[in-house]
Each structure stands twice: as C-alpha cells, then as structure tokens.
Amino acid sequence: LEYEPDMVNISPAFAGFAKDIGNLQNGMRRAVAEAVRGERLKTELITNVSHDLKTPLTSIISYVDLLKGRQLNDGTSNEYIGILEEKSARLKQLVDDLLEASKAASGDMAVNFGSIDIHSLIEQAMAEYSAKAEEAGLDIRIKMPEAPVVVRGDGALMWRIMDNLLSNVVKYSQRNSRVYIEVEEDGAAGKITVKNISEAPLDIPAEQLMERFVRGDSSRTTEGSGLGLSIARSLAELQKGSLEVAIDGDLFKVIVRIPLEKT
C-alpha cells in the first residue's frame, strides 16, 4: 500500500492502469485506517466501561460482605444476601475478563519469556481442577511423552491459557464423559491438545467460537462470558504461538502450539 508508481516513466498505454491502481491504493489505505481506528475505539470503550463498572461493583461486594457479617435471623434476608454475593462475583469475573480481553487483543500486556516444562504445567492444572472434574463426573486422561516438552513462553500466560481451557471443559463437557489431554512435540513447537464431548449441540462454526462473547451454549444457560477462548488465543499469539479449535459433531478439540525452547 505504500508503493508509489513512477508516473513519469510509465508509457501512455499504461498510464490509465497506473492511475486506477493508485486509486485502489488510496481506497485500501482509508479502509485499513478506518478499521484500525474502529478496533482501537472498541478496545478503549471496553477498557473504559470495565473500569467504570469496577468502582460501583467493588462497593456492592463490600456491602454484601458487611451484611454477611451481621447476625440476621431472617432466613429470607440471608437467602437474598447469598444471591447478591453469587451474582456480584459473577459480574466481577465478567468485568475482569473484559479487561483481560482488551489488554490481550491490543498487545498491551507484558510477556516475560522463559523456559516452561509443559509436563509441570499440566500437573499443576490437574491439581487445581481434579476435584472440579470429579464433581462433574469427568474422567480426564492425560498422555505425555517421557521426555520433557519445554517451550519458550510466559509461565503466567501459559497458566491462564490452561485455566481457561480446563474451566471450559468443566463447564461445558457432557457429564460422565472422558476428557483427553495430549502433549507432544510438533515440529518446532510444543503442542497441547484438549478434547472433550460437549453437553450442548455445537451447531456453529469453529472459527465463530473464537470470537468474543460467542459461546457454544447458545441458550446461555451456563455461566461464562464467551471470552475464554478469545483471551486464550490472544495470549498464545503474544507468545508467538497459536490456538486453534476443531469441531467434529459433539467432539470439541482445542490445539495450542507454543515454540519450543531452543537448545
């Protein structure tokens, strides 16, 4: 788009063609600039609204905590306080997800690269989620090579990716089904594959699930913001990796690739 044709040395036969190309360039420049501006304004809006929501939400949570500390003999009042606590916690999670999504998408997030052993990461994630998976009746099967798979990435961001993926597994998997997590080397990348059977029918394209606020549960009867996969993909890309989604019937598969640590 930045190339400027030399109109002086172009023959008259091609002058009109060159002018048309110049017009196309100008149109494309305007379209790209408008798209970038629109994306920037959208990110700023999400960030500003999230910050504006956080202040009153913090007050609500604080007052709920104060009410919980009072000795209320009215069972109905205690029930209402419990509902307020649950809903305010869910709203806080949504606001936090909005802020993280805007930061990750804009690249406004520090990345501290280091060596990460995928085996240790999976073990840590399973220690966190084994009880939740058991409660949901999920049998998680893990397959990893004997030799360590070490990638070059950010430990905190990698943990956030696994946290998002396993959170989705617990929320959206068919009850009493198996979940498969596989780790392997794939060329110059470490590859993590998570496969589960979805409880709700997956009748939307895989790429659409990667968009913000889109959920596989179209009825939105389960908890979730629809930002988890979008955040996870942005975090993978910040580490020079990738995240892909594949759907085969009710089989839902997420593939994360992060560059291997060079030896």
C-alpha atoms as a PDB file:
ATOM      1  CA  LEU A   1       0.000   0.000   0.000  1.00  0.00           C
ATOM      2  CA  GLU A   2       2.966   2.330   0.456  1.00  0.00           C
ATOM      3  CA  TYR A   3       4.430   1.818  -3.018  1.00  0.00           C
ATOM      4  CA  GLU A   4       4.233   4.890  -5.236  1.00  0.00           C
ATOM      5  CA  PRO A   5       4.443   4.190  -9.010  1.00  0.00           C
ATOM      6  CA  ASP A   6       6.733   6.413 -11.075  1.00  0.00           C
ATOM      7  CA  MET A   7       4.152   8.111 -13.309  1.00  0.00           C
ATOM      8  CA  VAL A   8       6.855   9.982 -15.276  1.00  0.00           C
ATOM      9  CA  ASN A   9       8.387   6.864 -16.793  1.00  0.00           C
ATOM     10  CA  ILE A  10       5.135   4.957 -17.396  1.00  0.00           C
ATOM     11  CA  SER A  11       4.150   4.708 -21.050  1.00  0.00           C
ATOM     12  CA  PRO A  12       0.858   6.356 -22.067  1.00  0.00           C
ATOM     13  CA  ALA A  13      -0.652   2.911 -22.730  1.00  0.00           C
ATOM     14  CA  PHE A  14      -0.324   2.040 -19.020  1.00  0.00           C
ATOM     15  CA  ALA A  15      -0.925   5.488 -17.516  1.00  0.00           C
ATOM     16  CA  GLY A  16      -4.653   4.892 -17.008  1.00  0.00           C
ATOM     17  CA  PHE A  17      -3.965   1.491 -15.477  1.00  0.00           C
ATOM     18  CA  ALA A  18      -1.398   3.014 -13.074  1.00  0.00           C
ATOM     19  CA  LYS A  19      -3.901   5.705 -12.079  1.00  0.00           C
ATOM     20  CA  ASP A  20      -6.520   3.049 -11.324  1.00  0.00           C
ATOM     21  CA  ILE A  21      -4.018   1.183  -9.145  1.00  0.00           C
ATOM     22  CA  GLY A  22      -3.265   4.453  -7.321  1.00  0.00           C
ATOM     23  CA  ASN A  23      -6.988   4.925  -6.649  1.00  0.00           C
ATOM     24  CA  LEU A  24      -7.222   1.371  -5.319  1.00  0.00           C
ATOM     25  CA  GLN A  25      -4.273   2.052  -3.028  1.00  0.00           C
ATOM     26  CA  ASN A  26      -5.915   5.186  -1.656  1.00  0.00           C
ATOM     27  CA  GLY A  27      -9.169   3.351  -1.044  1.00  0.00           C
ATOM     28  CA  MET A  28      -7.375   0.491   0.718  1.00  0.00           C
ATOM     29  CA  ARG A  29      -5.381   2.926   2.873  1.00  0.00           C
ATOM     30  CA  ARG A  30      -8.587   4.620   4.012  1.00  0.00           C
ATOM     31  CA  ALA A  31     -10.287   1.269   4.702  1.00  0.00           C
ATOM     32  CA  VAL A  32      -7.322  -0.034   6.736  1.00  0.00           C
ATOM     33  CA  ALA A  33      -7.038   3.228   8.693  1.00  0.00           C
ATOM     34  CA  GLU A  34     -10.769   3.174   9.451  1.00  0.00           C
ATOM     35  CA  ALA A  35     -10.636  -0.481  10.546  1.00  0.00           C
ATOM     36  CA  VAL A  36      -7.657   0.194  12.845  1.00  0.00           C
ATOM     37  CA  ARG A  37      -9.375   3.244  14.282  1.00  0.00           C
ATOM     38  CA  GLY A  38     -12.599   1.285  14.857  1.00  0.00           C
ATOM     39  CA  GLU A  39     -10.727  -1.539  16.605  1.00  0.00           C
ATOM     40  CA  ARG A  40      -8.848   0.940  18.789  1.00  0.00           C
ATOM     41  CA  LEU A  41     -12.054   2.763  19.764  1.00  0.00           C
ATOM     42  CA  LYS A  42     -13.747  -0.570  20.555  1.00  0.00           C
ATOM     43  CA  THR A  43     -10.860  -1.641  22.784  1.00  0.00           C
ATOM     44  CA  GLU A  44     -10.832   1.744  24.543  1.00  0.00           C
ATOM     45  CA  LEU A  45     -14.598   1.537  25.071  1.00  0.00           C
ATOM     46  CA  ILE A  46     -14.347  -1.945  26.613  1.00  0.00           C
ATOM     47  CA  THR A  47     -11.485  -0.825  28.867  1.00  0.00           C
ATOM     48  CA  ASN A  48     -13.214   2.386  29.999  1.00  0.00           C
ATOM     49  CA  VAL A  49     -16.567   0.706  30.632  1.00  0.00           C
ATOM     50  CA  SER A  50     -14.855  -2.094  32.561  1.00  0.00           C
ATOM     51  CA  HIS A  51     -13.067   0.415  34.790  1.00  0.00           C
ATOM     52  CA  ASP A  52     -16.289   2.384  35.310  1.00  0.00           C
ATOM     53  CA  LEU A  53     -18.137  -0.795  36.296  1.00  0.00           C
ATOM     54  CA  LYS A  54     -15.428  -1.895  38.700  1.00  0.00           C
ATOM     55  CA  THR A  55     -15.841   1.019  41.136  1.00  0.00           C
ATOM     56  CA  PRO A  56     -19.550   0.548  41.985  1.00  0.00           C
ATOM     57  CA  LEU A  57     -19.144  -3.226  41.815  1.00  0.00           C
ATOM     58  CA  THR A  58     -16.402  -3.111  44.449  1.00  0.00           C
ATOM     59  CA  SER A  59     -18.760  -1.140  46.698  1.00  0.00           C
ATOM     60  CA  ILE A  60     -21.561  -3.679  46.173  1.00  0.00           C
ATOM     61  CA  ILE A  61     -19.256  -6.578  47.069  1.00  0.00           C
ATOM     62  CA  SER A  62     -18.029  -4.726  50.170  1.00  0.00           C
ATOM     63  CA  TYR A  63     -21.574  -4.029  51.388  1.00  0.00           C
ATOM     64  CA  VAL A  64     -22.563  -7.646  50.773  1.00  0.00           C
ATOM     65  CA  ASP A  65     -19.613  -8.736  52.928  1.00  0.00           C
ATOM     66  CA  LEU A  66     -20.755  -6.334  55.662  1.00  0.00           C
ATOM     67  CA  LEU A  67     -24.275  -7.747  55.540  1.00  0.00           C
ATOM     68  CA  LYS A  68     -22.923 -11.296  55.775  1.00  0.00           C
ATOM     69  CA  GLY A  69     -21.119 -10.307  58.957  1.00  0.00           C
ATOM     70  CA  ARG A  70     -24.317  -9.176  60.657  1.00  0.00           C
ATOM     71  CA  GLN A  71     -26.417 -11.600  62.650  1.00  0.00           C
ATOM     72  CA  LEU A  72     -29.609 -11.744  60.588  1.00  0.00           C
ATOM     73  CA  ASN A  73     -32.259 -14.084  61.912  1.00  0.00           C
ATOM     74  CA  ASP A  74     -34.447 -13.660  58.855  1.00  0.00           C
ATOM     75  CA  GLY A  75     -33.883 -16.665  56.567  1.00  0.00           C
ATOM     76  CA  THR A  76     -35.216 -14.802  53.536  1.00  0.00           C
ATOM     77  CA  SER A  77     -32.725 -11.965  54.043  1.00  0.00           C
ATOM     78  CA  ASN A  78     -29.848 -14.437  54.251  1.00  0.00           C
ATOM     79  CA  GLU A  79     -31.051 -16.061  51.046  1.00  0.00           C
ATOM     80  CA  TYR A  80     -31.121 -12.690  49.281  1.00  0.00           C
ATOM     81  CA  ILE A  81     -27.616 -11.901  50.533  1.00  0.00           C
ATOM     82  CA  GLY A  82     -26.414 -15.238  49.130  1.00  0.00           C
ATOM     83  CA  ILE A  83     -27.915 -14.414  45.735  1.00  0.00           C
ATOM     84  CA  LEU A  84     -26.308 -10.936  45.784  1.00  0.00           C
ATOM     85  CA  GLU A  85     -22.939 -12.485  46.605  1.00  0.00           C
ATOM     86  CA  GLU A  86     -23.202 -15.024  43.784  1.00  0.00           C
ATOM     87  CA  LYS A  87     -24.318 -12.512  41.160  1.00  0.00           C
ATOM     88  CA  SER A  88     -21.789  -9.855  42.149  1.00  0.00           C
ATOM     89  CA  ALA A  89     -18.971 -12.436  41.994  1.00  0.00           C
ATOM     90  CA  ARG A  90     -20.113 -13.472  38.517  1.00  0.00           C
ATOM     91  CA  LEU A  91     -20.261  -9.833  37.404  1.00  0.00           C
ATOM     92  CA  LYS A  92     -16.767  -9.220  38.805  1.00  0.00           C
ATOM     93  CA  GLN A  93     -15.453 -12.185  36.791  1.00  0.00           C
ATOM     94  CA  LEU A  94     -17.044 -10.781  33.631  1.00  0.00           C
ATOM     95  CA  VAL A  95     -15.505  -7.334  34.214  1.00  0.00           C
ATOM     96  CA  ASP A  96     -12.089  -8.907  34.844  1.00  0.00           C
ATOM     97  CA  ASP A  97     -12.453 -10.974  31.648  1.00  0.00           C
ATOM     98  CA  LEU A  98     -13.357  -7.830  29.684  1.00  0.00           C
ATOM     99  CA  LEU A  99     -10.236  -6.034  30.908  1.00  0.00           C
ATOM    100  CA  GLU A 100      -8.022  -9.029  30.178  1.00  0.00           C
ATOM    101  CA  ALA A 101      -9.539  -9.491  26.721  1.00  0.00           C
ATOM    102  CA  SER A 102      -8.938  -5.847  25.776  1.00  0.00           C
ATOM    103  CA  LYS A 103      -5.337  -5.953  27.031  1.00  0.00           C
ATOM    104  CA  ALA A 104      -4.555  -9.253  25.315  1.00  0.00           C
ATOM    105  CA  ALA A 105      -6.139  -8.230  21.999  1.00  0.00           C
ATOM    106  CA  SER A 106      -4.317  -4.887  21.933  1.00  0.00           C
ATOM    107  CA  GLY A 107      -0.986  -6.445  22.914  1.00  0.00           C
ATOM    108  CA  ASP A 108      -0.859  -4.160  25.969  1.00  0.00           C
ATOM    109  CA  MET A 109       0.398  -6.949  28.213  1.00  0.00           C
ATOM    110  CA  ALA A 110       3.924  -7.683  29.419  1.00  0.00           C
ATOM    111  CA  VAL A 111       5.353 -11.016  28.267  1.00  0.00           C
ATOM    112  CA  ASN A 112       8.214 -12.468  30.321  1.00  0.00           C
ATOM    113  CA  PHE A 113       9.706 -15.234  28.206  1.00  0.00           C
ATOM    114  CA  GLY A 114      11.332 -18.189  29.880  1.00  0.00           C
ATOM    115  CA  SER A 115      11.598 -21.985  29.767  1.00  0.00           C
ATOM    116  CA  ILE A 116       8.330 -23.775  30.626  1.00  0.00           C
ATOM    117  CA  ASP A 117       8.040 -27.522  31.162  1.00  0.00           C
ATOM    118  CA  ILE A 118       4.613 -28.486  29.777  1.00  0.00           C
ATOM    119  CA  HIS A 119       4.546 -31.595  31.990  1.00  0.00           C
ATOM    120  CA  SER A 120       4.761 -29.463  35.146  1.00  0.00           C
ATOM    121  CA  LEU A 121       2.144 -27.060  33.775  1.00  0.00           C
ATOM    122  CA  ILE A 122      -0.331 -29.902  33.146  1.00  0.00           C
ATOM    123  CA  GLU A 123       0.320 -31.401  36.582  1.00  0.00           C
ATOM    124  CA  GLN A 124      -0.297 -28.012  38.212  1.00  0.00           C
ATOM    125  CA  ALA A 125      -3.513 -27.561  36.236  1.00  0.00           C
ATOM    126  CA  MET A 126      -4.755 -31.021  37.191  1.00  0.00           C
ATOM    127  CA  ALA A 127      -4.050 -30.359  40.874  1.00  0.00           C
ATOM    128  CA  GLU A 128      -6.276 -27.296  40.558  1.00  0.00           C
ATOM    129  CA  TYR A 129      -9.082 -28.905  38.565  1.00  0.00           C
ATOM    130  CA  SER A 130      -9.155 -32.578  39.585  1.00  0.00           C
ATOM    131  CA  ALA A 131     -11.790 -32.032  42.298  1.00  0.00           C
ATOM    132  CA  LYS A 132     -13.987 -29.936  39.971  1.00  0.00           C
ATOM    133  CA  ALA A 133     -13.665 -32.548  37.215  1.00  0.00           C
ATOM    134  CA  GLU A 134     -14.586 -35.349  39.613  1.00  0.00           C
ATOM    135  CA  GLU A 135     -17.608 -33.376  40.801  1.00  0.00           C
ATOM    136  CA  ALA A 136     -18.719 -33.030  37.169  1.00  0.00           C
ATOM    137  CA  GLY A 137     -18.218 -36.769  36.606  1.00  0.00           C
ATOM    138  CA  LEU A 138     -15.374 -36.219  34.125  1.00  0.00           C
ATOM    139  CA  ASP A 139     -12.630 -38.777  33.606  1.00  0.00           C
ATOM    140  CA  ILE A 140      -9.545 -36.850  32.434  1.00  0.00           C
ATOM    141  CA  ARG A 141      -6.974 -38.958  30.559  1.00  0.00           C
ATOM    142  CA  ILE A 142      -3.507 -37.453  30.068  1.00  0.00           C
ATOM    143  CA  LYS A 143      -0.952 -38.609  27.508  1.00  0.00           C
ATOM    144  CA  MET A 144       2.552 -37.126  27.631  1.00  0.00           C
ATOM    145  CA  PRO A 145       5.911 -38.307  26.264  1.00  0.00           C
ATOM    146  CA  GLU A 146       8.553 -39.473  28.734  1.00  0.00           C
ATOM    147  CA  ALA A 147      10.992 -36.766  27.666  1.00  0.00           C
ATOM    148  CA  PRO A 148      10.068 -33.245  28.890  1.00  0.00           C
ATOM    149  CA  VAL A 149       8.487 -30.888  26.359  1.00  0.00           C
ATOM    150  CA  VAL A 150       9.983 -27.467  27.104  1.00  0.00           C
ATOM    151  CA  VAL A 151       8.628 -24.364  25.374  1.00  0.00           C
ATOM    152  CA  ARG A 152       9.674 -20.722  25.259  1.00  0.00           C
ATOM    153  CA  GLY A 153       6.847 -18.719  26.777  1.00  0.00           C
ATOM    154  CA  ASP A 154       5.474 -16.843  29.767  1.00  0.00           C
ATOM    155  CA  GLY A 155       4.552 -19.061  32.727  1.00  0.00           C
ATOM    156  CA  ALA A 156       1.731 -16.808  33.925  1.00  0.00           C
ATOM    157  CA  LEU A 157       0.186 -16.548  30.444  1.00  0.00           C
ATOM    158  CA  MET A 158       0.514 -20.298  29.854  1.00  0.00           C
ATOM    159  CA  TRP A 159      -1.244 -20.953  33.153  1.00  0.00           C
ATOM    160  CA  ARG A 160      -4.044 -18.557  32.127  1.00  0.00           C
ATOM    161  CA  ILE A 161      -4.479 -20.475  28.860  1.00  0.00           C
ATOM    162  CA  MET A 162      -4.753 -23.829  30.645  1.00  0.00           C
ATOM    163  CA  ASP A 163      -7.042 -22.284  33.266  1.00  0.00           C
ATOM    164  CA  ASN A 164      -9.397 -21.066  30.522  1.00  0.00           C
ATOM    165  CA  LEU A 165      -9.363 -24.395  28.669  1.00  0.00           C
ATOM    166  CA  LEU A 166      -9.991 -26.547  31.743  1.00  0.00           C
ATOM    167  CA  SER A 167     -12.626 -24.123  33.005  1.00  0.00           C
ATOM    168  CA  ASN A 168     -14.465 -24.603  29.694  1.00  0.00           C
ATOM    169  CA  VAL A 169     -14.055 -28.376  29.986  1.00  0.00           C
ATOM    170  CA  VAL A 170     -15.669 -28.412  33.435  1.00  0.00           C
ATOM    171  CA  LYS A 171     -18.484 -26.042  32.427  1.00  0.00           C
ATOM    172  CA  TYR A 172     -19.447 -27.401  29.028  1.00  0.00           C
ATOM    173  CA  SER A 173     -18.490 -31.109  28.880  1.00  0.00           C
ATOM    174  CA  GLN A 174     -21.064 -33.879  28.766  1.00  0.00           C
ATOM    175  CA  ARG A 175     -21.498 -35.208  32.292  1.00  0.00           C
ATOM    176  CA  ASN A 176     -19.843 -38.573  32.997  1.00  0.00           C
ATOM    177  CA  SER A 177     -17.687 -38.445  29.875  1.00  0.00           C
ATOM    178  CA  ARG A 178     -13.957 -38.618  29.163  1.00  0.00           C
ATOM    179  CA  VAL A 179     -11.627 -35.691  28.511  1.00  0.00           C
ATOM    180  CA  TYR A 180      -8.297 -36.211  26.743  1.00  0.00           C
ATOM    181  CA  ILE A 181      -5.221 -34.010  27.177  1.00  0.00           C
ATOM    182  CA  GLU A 182      -2.246 -34.822  24.964  1.00  0.00           C
ATOM    183  CA  VAL A 183       1.204 -33.211  24.953  1.00  0.00           C
ATOM    184  CA  GLU A 184       3.739 -33.717  22.167  1.00  0.00           C
ATOM    185  CA  GLU A 185       6.378 -32.028  20.062  1.00  0.00           C
ATOM    186  CA  ASP A 186       5.099 -30.854  16.691  1.00  0.00           C
ATOM    187  CA  GLY A 187       7.991 -29.655  14.559  1.00  0.00           C
ATOM    188  CA  ALA A 188       9.438 -26.556  16.224  1.00  0.00           C
ATOM    189  CA  ALA A 189       6.513 -26.215  18.648  1.00  0.00           C
ATOM    190  CA  GLY A 190       5.201 -27.822  21.778  1.00  0.00           C
ATOM    191  CA  LYS A 191       1.627 -28.936  21.183  1.00  0.00           C
ATOM    192  CA  ILE A 192      -1.165 -29.300  23.757  1.00  0.00           C
ATOM    193  CA  THR A 193      -4.429 -30.875  22.584  1.00  0.00           C
ATOM    194  CA  VAL A 194      -7.557 -30.870  24.759  1.00  0.00           C
ATOM    195  CA  LYS A 195     -10.535 -32.951  23.582  1.00  0.00           C
ATOM    196  CA  ASN A 196     -13.950 -33.257  25.220  1.00  0.00           C
ATOM    197  CA  ILE A 197     -17.557 -34.085  24.354  1.00  0.00           C
ATOM    198  CA  SER A 198     -19.808 -31.033  24.501  1.00  0.00           C
ATOM    199  CA  GLU A 199     -23.005 -31.225  26.524  1.00  0.00           C
ATOM    200  CA  ALA A 200     -24.784 -28.711  24.262  1.00  0.00           C
ATOM    201  CA  PRO A 201     -25.001 -29.298  20.479  1.00  0.00           C
ATOM    202  CA  LEU A 202     -22.209 -27.465  18.648  1.00  0.00           C
ATOM    203  CA  ASP A 203     -24.101 -26.051  15.704  1.00  0.00           C
ATOM    204  CA  ILE A 204     -21.842 -23.074  14.987  1.00  0.00           C
ATOM    205  CA  PRO A 205     -18.555 -22.942  13.023  1.00  0.00           C
ATOM    206  CA  ALA A 206     -15.336 -23.493  14.986  1.00  0.00           C
ATOM    207  CA  GLU A 207     -13.916 -20.110  13.983  1.00  0.00           C
ATOM    208  CA  GLN A 208     -17.020 -18.355  15.252  1.00  0.00           C
ATOM    209  CA  LEU A 209     -16.427 -19.840  18.711  1.00  0.00           C
ATOM    210  CA  MET A 210     -13.114 -17.970  18.768  1.00  0.00           C
ATOM    211  CA  GLU A 211     -14.854 -14.608  18.504  1.00  0.00           C
ATOM    212  CA  ARG A 212     -15.553 -12.510  21.577  1.00  0.00           C
ATOM    213  CA  PHE A 213     -18.767 -13.095  23.543  1.00  0.00           C
ATOM    214  CA  VAL A 214     -19.649 -16.211  21.494  1.00  0.00           C
ATOM    215  CA  ARG A 215     -20.482 -19.379  23.427  1.00  0.00           C
ATOM    216  CA  GLY A 216     -21.200 -22.941  22.355  1.00  0.00           C
ATOM    217  CA  ASP A 217     -24.201 -22.862  24.679  1.00  0.00           C
ATOM    218  CA  SER A 218     -26.411 -20.623  22.542  1.00  0.00           C
ATOM    219  CA  SER A 219     -29.157 -20.631  25.177  1.00  0.00           C
ATOM    220  CA  ARG A 220     -26.603 -19.085  27.609  1.00  0.00           C
ATOM    221  CA  THR A 221     -27.964 -21.150  30.498  1.00  0.00           C
ATOM    222  CA  THR A 222     -24.469 -21.883  31.822  1.00  0.00           C
ATOM    223  CA  GLU A 223     -22.077 -19.431  33.402  1.00  0.00           C
ATOM    224  CA  GLY A 224     -19.408 -17.829  31.268  1.00  0.00           C
ATOM    225  CA  SER A 225     -18.633 -14.645  29.404  1.00  0.00           C
ATOM    226  CA  GLY A 226     -17.840 -16.098  25.980  1.00  0.00           C
ATOM    227  CA  LEU A 227     -14.385 -14.513  26.242  1.00  0.00           C
ATOM    228  CA  GLY A 228     -12.319 -17.503  27.400  1.00  0.00           C
ATOM    229  CA  LEU A 229     -11.226 -18.865  24.013  1.00  0.00           C
ATOM    230  CA  SER A 230     -10.674 -15.384  22.578  1.00  0.00           C
ATOM    231  CA  ILE A 231      -8.442 -14.497  25.541  1.00  0.00           C
ATOM    232  CA  ALA A 232      -6.580 -17.810  25.318  1.00  0.00           C
ATOM    233  CA  ARG A 233      -5.866 -17.328  21.594  1.00  0.00           C
ATOM    234  CA  SER A 234      -4.599 -13.768  22.165  1.00  0.00           C
ATOM    235  CA  LEU A 235      -2.335 -14.990  24.987  1.00  0.00           C
ATOM    236  CA  ALA A 236      -0.940 -17.770  22.764  1.00  0.00           C
ATOM    237  CA  GLU A 237      -0.246 -15.272  19.971  1.00  0.00           C
ATOM    238  CA  LEU A 238       1.539 -12.933  22.408  1.00  0.00           C
ATOM    239  CA  GLN A 239       3.953 -15.835  22.978  1.00  0.00           C
ATOM    240  CA  LYS A 240       4.453 -16.245  19.205  1.00  0.00           C
ATOM    241  CA  GLY A 241       2.242 -19.324  19.234  1.00  0.00           C
ATOM    242  CA  SER A 242      -1.268 -20.202  18.103  1.00  0.00           C
ATOM    243  CA  LEU A 243      -4.564 -21.641  19.307  1.00  0.00           C
ATOM    244  CA  GLU A 244      -6.982 -23.478  17.017  1.00  0.00           C
ATOM    245  CA  VAL A 245     -10.410 -25.005  17.536  1.00  0.00           C
ATOM    246  CA  ALA A 246     -11.845 -28.013  15.686  1.00  0.00           C
ATOM    247  CA  ILE A 247     -15.365 -29.435  15.934  1.00  0.00           C
ATOM    248  CA  ASP A 248     -16.439 -32.917  14.836  1.00  0.00           C
ATOM    249  CA  GLY A 249     -20.073 -33.490  15.771  1.00  0.00           C
ATOM    250  CA  ASP A 250     -20.123 -33.009  19.548  1.00  0.00           C
ATOM    251  CA  LEU A 251     -16.349 -33.543  19.842  1.00  0.00           C
ATOM    252  CA  PHE A 252     -14.663 -30.262  20.758  1.00  0.00           C
ATOM    253  CA  LYS A 253     -10.895 -30.013  20.275  1.00  0.00           C
ATOM    254  CA  VAL A 254      -8.513 -27.169  21.152  1.00  0.00           C
ATOM    255  CA  ILE A 255      -4.920 -27.223  19.901  1.00  0.00           C
ATOM    256  CA  VAL A 256      -2.312 -24.910  21.427  1.00  0.00           C
ATOM    257  CA  ARG A 257       1.133 -24.544  19.872  1.00  0.00           C
ATOM    258  CA  ILE A 258       3.992 -22.659  21.544  1.00  0.00           C
ATOM    259  CA  PRO A 259       7.556 -22.501  20.117  1.00  0.00           C
ATOM    260  CA  LEU A 260       9.975 -24.977  21.696  1.00  0.00           C
ATOM    261  CA  GLU A 261      12.872 -23.738  23.782  1.00  0.00           C
ATOM    262  CA  LYS A 262      15.981 -23.781  21.582  1.00  0.00           C
ATOM    263  CA  THR A 263      18.787 -25.935  22.905  1.00  0.00           C
END
